[in-house]
C-alpha atoms as a PDB file:
ATOM      1  CA  MET A   1      32.562  29.859 -19.777  1.00  0.00           C
ATOM      2  CA  GLY A   2      36.024  29.798 -17.444  1.00  0.00           C
ATOM      3  CA  ARG A   3      36.144  30.704 -13.959  1.00  0.00           C
ATOM      4  CA  THR A   4      38.925  32.591 -12.180  1.00  0.00           C
ATOM      5  CA  TYR A   5      40.559  30.767  -9.154  1.00  0.00           C
ATOM      6  CA  GLY A   6      43.176  32.080  -7.076  1.00  0.00           C
ATOM      7  CA  MET A   7      46.275  29.729  -6.740  1.00  0.00           C
ATOM      8  CA  PRO A   8      47.514  28.165  -3.346  1.00  0.00           C
ATOM      9  CA  GLU A   9      50.492  29.671  -1.595  1.00  0.00           C
ATOM     10  CA  ASN A  10      52.800  26.728  -2.466  1.00  0.00           C
ATOM     11  CA  GLU A  11      51.972  27.050  -6.292  1.00  0.00           C
ATOM     12  CA  LYS A  12      52.419  30.885  -6.785  1.00  0.00           C
ATOM     13  CA  MET A  13      54.897  31.716  -9.325  1.00  0.00           C
ATOM     14  CA  VAL A  14      58.627  31.829  -8.112  1.00  0.00           C
ATOM     15  CA  ASP A  15      59.506  34.656 -10.194  1.00  0.00           C
ATOM     16  CA  GLN A  16      58.527  37.640  -7.976  1.00  0.00           C
ATOM     17  CA  GLU A  17      58.939  40.417 -10.594  1.00  0.00           C
ATOM     18  CA  ALA A  18      55.780  39.130 -12.599  1.00  0.00           C
ATOM     19  CA  PRO A  19      52.989  41.486 -12.143  1.00  0.00           C
ATOM     20  CA  ALA A  20      50.874  40.022  -8.897  1.00  0.00           C
ATOM     21  CA  ASN A  21      47.453  39.973 -10.783  1.00  0.00           C
ATOM     22  CA  ALA A  22      48.683  37.586 -13.600  1.00  0.00           C
ATOM     23  CA  ALA A  23      50.325  35.122 -11.206  1.00  0.00           C
ATOM     24  CA  ASP A  24      47.308  34.780  -9.260  1.00  0.00           C
ATOM     25  CA  LYS A  25      44.755  34.118 -11.419  1.00  0.00           C
ATOM     26  CA  VAL A  26      44.083  30.828 -13.677  1.00  0.00           C
ATOM     27  CA  ASP A  27      41.203  30.488 -16.261  1.00  0.00           C
ATOM     28  CA  LEU A  28      39.857  27.212 -16.286  1.00  0.00           C
ATOM     29  CA  SER A  29      36.555  25.710 -17.479  1.00  0.00           C
ATOM     30  CA  GLU A  30      34.258  23.699 -15.195  1.00  0.00           C
ATOM     31  CA  GLU A  31      35.508  20.304 -16.726  1.00  0.00           C
ATOM     32  CA  GLU A  32      39.160  21.260 -16.399  1.00  0.00           C
ATOM     33  CA  LEU A  33      38.763  22.251 -12.749  1.00  0.00           C
ATOM     34  CA  THR A  34      36.855  19.242 -11.788  1.00  0.00           C
ATOM     35  CA  ALA A  35      39.841  16.983 -13.809  1.00  0.00           C
ATOM     36  CA  LEU A  36      42.232  19.130 -11.754  1.00  0.00           C
ATOM     37  CA  CYS A  37      40.609  18.490  -8.377  1.00  0.00           C
ATOM     38  CA  LYS A  38      40.429  14.508  -9.183  1.00  0.00           C
ATOM     39  CA  ALA A  39      44.061  14.622 -10.177  1.00  0.00           C
ATOM     40  CA  HIS A  40      45.383  16.207  -6.840  1.00  0.00           C
ATOM     41  CA  VAL A  41      42.954  13.888  -4.499  1.00  0.00           C
ATOM     42  CA  CYS A  42      44.584  10.770  -3.263  1.00  0.00           C
ATOM     43  CA  VAL A  43      42.436   7.897  -4.597  1.00  0.00           C
ATOM     44  CA  ASN A  44      43.350   5.717  -1.693  1.00  0.00           C
ATOM     45  CA  CYS A  45      42.937   8.407   0.983  1.00  0.00           C
ATOM     46  CA  ALA A  46      40.488   7.541   3.803  1.00  0.00           C
ATOM     47  CA  VAL A  47      38.842  10.611   4.085  1.00  0.00           C
ATOM     48  CA  MET A  48      37.807  10.315   0.301  1.00  0.00           C
ATOM     49  CA  ALA A  49      36.797   6.839   0.919  1.00  0.00           C
ATOM     50  CA  GLU A  50      34.649   7.719   3.817  1.00  0.00           C
ATOM     51  CA  ALA A  51      33.261  10.842   2.078  1.00  0.00           C
ATOM     52  CA  GLU A  52      32.207   8.495  -0.792  1.00  0.00           C
ATOM     53  CA  ASP A  53      30.754   5.920   1.533  1.00  0.00           C
ATOM     54  CA  VAL A  54      28.567   8.868   3.445  1.00  0.00           C
ATOM     55  CA  LYS A  55      27.438   9.978  -0.132  1.00  0.00           C
ATOM     56  CA  LEU A  56      26.209   6.366  -1.211  1.00  0.00           C
ATOM     57  CA  ARG A  57      24.496   5.770   2.143  1.00  0.00           C
ATOM     58  CA  ALA A  58      23.009   8.879   1.873  1.00  0.00           C
ATOM     59  CA  LEU A  59      21.693   8.193  -1.867  1.00  0.00           C
ATOM     60  CA  ALA A  60      20.531   4.642  -0.849  1.00  0.00           C
ATOM     61  CA  ASP A  61      18.600   5.996   2.077  1.00  0.00           C
ATOM     62  CA  ASN A  62      17.046   8.548  -0.254  1.00  0.00           C
ATOM     63  CA  GLU A  63      15.985   6.026  -2.832  1.00  0.00           C
ATOM     64  CA  ASN A  64      14.553   3.721   0.261  1.00  0.00           C
ATOM     65  CA  PHE A  65      12.497   7.129   1.571  1.00  0.00           C
ATOM     66  CA  LYS A  66      11.104   7.656  -2.152  1.00  0.00           C
ATOM     67  CA  ARG A  67       9.978   4.063  -2.099  1.00  0.00           C
ATOM     68  CA  ARG A  68       8.296   3.982   1.134  1.00  0.00           C
ATOM     69  CA  ILE A  69       6.430   7.195   0.463  1.00  0.00           C
ATOM     70  CA  GLN A  70       5.283   5.846  -2.684  1.00  0.00           C
ATOM     71  CA  ARG A  71       4.064   2.349  -1.373  1.00  0.00           C
ATOM     72  CA  GLU A  72       2.437   4.303   1.631  1.00  0.00           C
ATOM     73  CA  THR A  73       0.811   6.789  -0.825  1.00  0.00           C
ATOM     74  CA  GLU A  74      -0.599   3.759  -3.064  1.00  0.00           C
ATOM     75  CA  GLU A  75      -1.702   2.130   0.214  1.00  0.00           C
ATOM     76  CA  VAL A  76      -3.554   5.079   1.319  1.00  0.00           C
ATOM     77  CA  ARG A  77      -5.334   5.549  -2.302  1.00  0.00           C
ATOM     78  CA  ARG A  78      -6.084   2.136  -2.466  1.00  0.00           C
ATOM     79  CA  TYR A  79      -7.917   1.971   0.942  1.00  0.00           C
ATOM     80  CA  ALA A  80      -9.248   5.338   1.104  1.00  0.00           C
ATOM     81  CA  THR A  81     -12.706   4.178   0.918  1.00  0.00           C
ATOM     82  CA  GLU A  82     -12.551   1.650   3.732  1.00  0.00           C
ATOM     83  CA  SER A  83     -14.031   3.619   6.551  1.00  0.00           C
ATOM     84  CA  VAL A  84     -17.024   4.909   4.397  1.00  0.00           C
ATOM     85  CA  LEU A  85     -17.653   1.471   3.029  1.00  0.00           C
ATOM     86  CA  SER A  86     -17.337  -0.366   6.439  1.00  0.00           C
ATOM     87  CA  ASP A  87     -20.207   2.276   7.673  1.00  0.00           C
ATOM     88  CA  LEU A  88     -22.476   1.257   4.880  1.00  0.00           C
ATOM     89  CA  LEU A  89     -22.223  -2.480   5.726  1.00  0.00           C
ATOM     90  CA  PRO A  90     -25.209  -2.201   8.376  1.00  0.00           C
ATOM     91  CA  VAL A  91     -27.351  -0.630   5.565  1.00  0.00           C
ATOM     92  CA  LEU A  92     -26.714  -3.926   3.480  1.00  0.00           C
ATOM     93  CA  ASP A  93     -27.420  -5.954   6.584  1.00  0.00           C
ATOM     94  CA  ASN A  94     -30.608  -4.164   7.115  1.00  0.00           C
ATOM     95  CA  LEU A  95     -31.973  -4.564   3.537  1.00  0.00           C
ATOM     96  CA  GLY A  96     -31.038  -8.022   3.620  1.00  0.00           C
ATOM     97  CA  LEU A  97     -32.964  -8.705   6.762  1.00  0.00           C
ATOM     98  CA  ALA A  98     -35.906  -6.837   5.371  1.00  0.00           C
ATOM     99  CA  ILE A  99     -35.999  -9.100   2.648  1.00  0.00           C
ATOM    100  CA  ASP A 100     -35.741 -12.504   4.393  1.00  0.00           C
ATOM    101  CA  HIS A 101     -38.514 -11.302   7.000  1.00  0.00           C
ATOM    102  CA  ALA A 102     -41.010 -10.243   4.387  1.00  0.00           C
ATOM    103  CA  ARG A 103     -40.057 -12.884   1.730  1.00  0.00           C
ATOM    104  CA  GLY A 104     -42.788 -15.233   2.647  1.00  0.00           C
ATOM    105  CA  THR A 105     -45.576 -12.879   3.005  1.00  0.00           C
ATOM    106  CA  GLU A 106     -47.625 -12.324  -0.260  1.00  0.00           C
ATOM    107  CA  ALA A 107     -48.660  -8.720   0.533  1.00  0.00           C
ATOM    108  CA  CYS A 108     -45.177  -7.631   0.705  1.00  0.00           C
ATOM    109  CA  LYS A 109     -44.144  -9.282  -2.692  1.00  0.00           C
ATOM    110  CA  ASP A 110     -43.732  -5.833  -4.579  1.00  0.00           C
ATOM    111  CA  ILE A 111     -41.873  -4.428  -1.711  1.00  0.00           C
ATOM    112  CA  VAL A 112     -39.592  -7.327  -1.343  1.00  0.00           C
ATOM    113  CA  MET A 113     -38.903  -7.095  -5.204  1.00  0.00           C
ATOM    114  CA  GLY A 114     -38.180  -3.295  -4.912  1.00  0.00           C
ATOM    115  CA  VAL A 115     -35.824  -3.956  -1.800  1.00  0.00           C
ATOM    116  CA  ASP A 116     -34.142  -6.546  -3.560  1.00  0.00           C
ATOM    117  CA  MET A 117     -33.500  -4.877  -6.640  1.00  0.00           C
ATOM    118  CA  THR A 118     -32.232  -1.712  -4.444  1.00  0.00           C
ATOM    119  CA  ARG A 119     -29.851  -3.970  -2.782  1.00  0.00           C
ATOM    120  CA  LYS A 120     -28.405  -5.477  -5.797  1.00  0.00           C
ATOM    121  CA  ILE A 121     -27.664  -2.051  -7.262  1.00  0.00           C
ATOM    122  CA  PHE A 122     -25.806  -1.021  -4.042  1.00  0.00           C
ATOM    123  CA  LEU A 123     -24.026  -4.278  -4.039  1.00  0.00           C
ATOM    124  CA  ASP A 124     -23.046  -3.733  -7.711  1.00  0.00           C
ATOM    125  CA  THR A 125     -21.938  -0.031  -6.871  1.00  0.00           C
ATOM    126  CA  LEU A 126     -19.688  -1.252  -3.916  1.00  0.00           C
ATOM    127  CA  LYS A 127     -18.374  -3.955  -5.808  1.00  0.00           C
ATOM    128  CA  ARG A 128     -16.977  -1.423  -8.796  1.00  0.00           C
ATOM    129  CA  HIS A 129     -15.087   0.221  -5.461  1.00  0.00           C
ATOM    130  CA  GLY A 130     -13.593  -3.077  -4.665  1.00  0.00           C
ATOM    131  CA  LEU A 131     -15.895  -4.518  -1.977  1.00  0.00           C
ATOM    132  CA  GLU A 132     -16.684  -8.022  -2.332  1.00  0.00           C
ATOM    133  CA  CYS A 133     -18.952 -10.368  -0.298  1.00  0.00           C
ATOM    134  CA  VAL A 134     -17.638 -13.487   1.311  1.00  0.00           C
ATOM    135  CA  GLY A 135     -19.169 -16.271   3.298  1.00  0.00           C
ATOM    136  CA  ALA A 136     -21.374 -18.570   1.540  1.00  0.00           C
ATOM    137  CA  CYS A 137     -22.857 -22.101   2.378  1.00  0.00           C
ATOM    138  CA  GLY A 138     -20.620 -24.813   1.446  1.00  0.00           C
ATOM    139  CA  GLU A 139     -17.386 -23.258   1.265  1.00  0.00           C
ATOM    140  CA  ALA A 140     -14.364 -24.380   3.207  1.00  0.00           C
ATOM    141  CA  PHE A 141     -14.227 -22.486   6.709  1.00  0.00           C
ATOM    142  CA  ASP A 142     -11.082 -20.005   6.328  1.00  0.00           C
ATOM    143  CA  PRO A 143     -10.259 -18.410   9.599  1.00  0.00           C
ATOM    144  CA  ASN A 144      -9.045 -15.500   7.601  1.00  0.00           C
ATOM    145  CA  MET A 145     -12.118 -14.855   6.028  1.00  0.00           C
ATOM    146  CA  HIS A 146     -14.938 -16.472   8.547  1.00  0.00           C
ATOM    147  CA  GLU A 147     -15.645 -16.150  12.341  1.00  0.00           C
ATOM    148  CA  ALA A 148     -17.072 -19.293  13.518  1.00  0.00           C
ATOM    149  CA  ILE A 149     -20.022 -18.547  16.136  1.00  0.00           C
ATOM    150  CA  GLY A 150     -20.815 -21.945  16.534  1.00  0.00           C
ATOM    151  CA  THR A 151     -21.144 -25.609  14.723  1.00  0.00           C
ATOM    152  CA  VAL A 152     -23.912 -27.667  13.503  1.00  0.00           C
ATOM    153  CA  CYS A 153     -24.163 -31.223  12.324  1.00  0.00           C
ATOM    154  CA  GLU A 154     -25.732 -31.575   8.945  1.00  0.00           C
ATOM    155  CA  ALA A 155     -24.906 -34.812   7.450  1.00  0.00           C
ATOM    156  CA  ASP A 156     -25.514 -33.554   3.797  1.00  0.00           C
ATOM    157  CA  LYS A 157     -22.398 -31.366   4.110  1.00  0.00           C
ATOM    158  CA  GLU A 158     -18.792 -31.884   4.346  1.00  0.00           C
ATOM    159  CA  GLU A 159     -16.989 -31.766   7.581  1.00  0.00           C
ATOM    160  CA  GLY A 160     -15.305 -28.118   8.310  1.00  0.00           C
ATOM    161  CA  CYS A 161     -17.423 -26.206   5.726  1.00  0.00           C
ATOM    162  CA  VAL A 162     -19.668 -23.181   6.322  1.00  0.00           C
ATOM    163  CA  ALA A 163     -23.167 -24.753   7.183  1.00  0.00           C
ATOM    164  CA  LYS A 164     -24.890 -21.436   7.500  1.00  0.00           C
ATOM    165  CA  VAL A 165     -24.262 -17.797   7.249  1.00  0.00           C
ATOM    166  CA  ALA A 166     -25.336 -15.611  10.069  1.00  0.00           C
ATOM    167  CA  MET A 167     -23.865 -12.670   9.129  1.00  0.00           C
ATOM    168  CA  SER A 168     -21.910 -11.823   5.465  1.00  0.00           C
ATOM    169  CA  GLY A 169     -18.299 -10.747   5.616  1.00  0.00           C
ATOM    170  CA  TYR A 170     -16.948  -8.076   3.132  1.00  0.00           C
ATOM    171  CA  VAL A 171     -13.429  -7.761   1.553  1.00  0.00           C
ATOM    172  CA  LEU A 172     -11.993  -4.534   0.208  1.00  0.00           C
ATOM    173  CA  LYS A 173      -9.403  -5.327  -2.625  1.00  0.00           C
ATOM    174  CA  GLY A 174      -7.893  -8.217  -0.538  1.00  0.00           C
ATOM    175  CA  ARG A 175      -8.309  -6.975   2.817  1.00  0.00           C
ATOM    176  CA  VAL A 176     -10.794  -8.259   4.989  1.00  0.00           C
ATOM    177  CA  ILE A 177     -12.995  -5.322   6.328  1.00  0.00           C
ATOM    178  CA  ARG A 178     -15.511  -7.756   8.164  1.00  0.00           C
ATOM    179  CA  PRO A 179     -15.405 -11.373   8.363  1.00  0.00           C
ATOM    180  CA  ALA A 180     -18.224 -13.460   7.816  1.00  0.00           C
ATOM    181  CA  LYS A 181     -20.218 -14.834  10.849  1.00  0.00           C
ATOM    182  CA  VAL A 182     -20.902 -18.271  10.356  1.00  0.00           C
ATOM    183  CA  LEU A 183     -21.825 -22.017  11.590  1.00  0.00           C
ATOM    184  CA  VAL A 184     -19.299 -24.236  10.862  1.00  0.00           C
ATOM    185  CA  ASN A 185     -20.435 -28.195  10.206  1.00  0.00           C
ATOM    186  CA  LYS A 186     -19.168 -30.889  12.250  1.00  0.00           C
ATOM    187  CA  LEU A 187     -20.067 -34.404  11.968  1.00  0.00           C
ATOM    188  CA  GLN A 188     -20.685 -36.327  14.832  1.00  0.00           C
ATOM    189  CA  GLU A 189     -18.049 -38.913  15.572  1.00  0.00           C
ATOM    190  CA  ALA A 190     -19.481 -42.555  15.151  1.00  0.00           C
END
């Protein structure tokens, strides 16, 4: 469907005897109008180049904004459960302490078995949500995953490895929620 546009003053018909309405109106399609505008714009014009530069920068800024928002949204989704899982860590610690405390007592054998089963189910559930336990005896000390609270000397273990775990650490989808508190093996110098 064509549009009617008024002609600029310098392009009006020279013949003044023609009817005014016929000379002032031109019927152009959208494509014809765009082509006409492009034909009359100076390609080497500084204003045109500046406008094009501003347009490209705005488009680039918009794309960068979209990517940043998408990245932040994914991170929020990925770590949305972090605070809840952090609050549950003391429960895991206390279940472990209860098991360790009652393990040697014959009268508590059935209770220890029940608490241990509950702890395993709890750990499996948390693992499905991306939580993993870190810090085991014998693994190399990693300051990103472990917090050294002291050293011990055990000849049967390698230098710099975890000799004892005082408190387990936890990682949520690659992010350390709580580092493991460990004792690091340090062999005495001869």
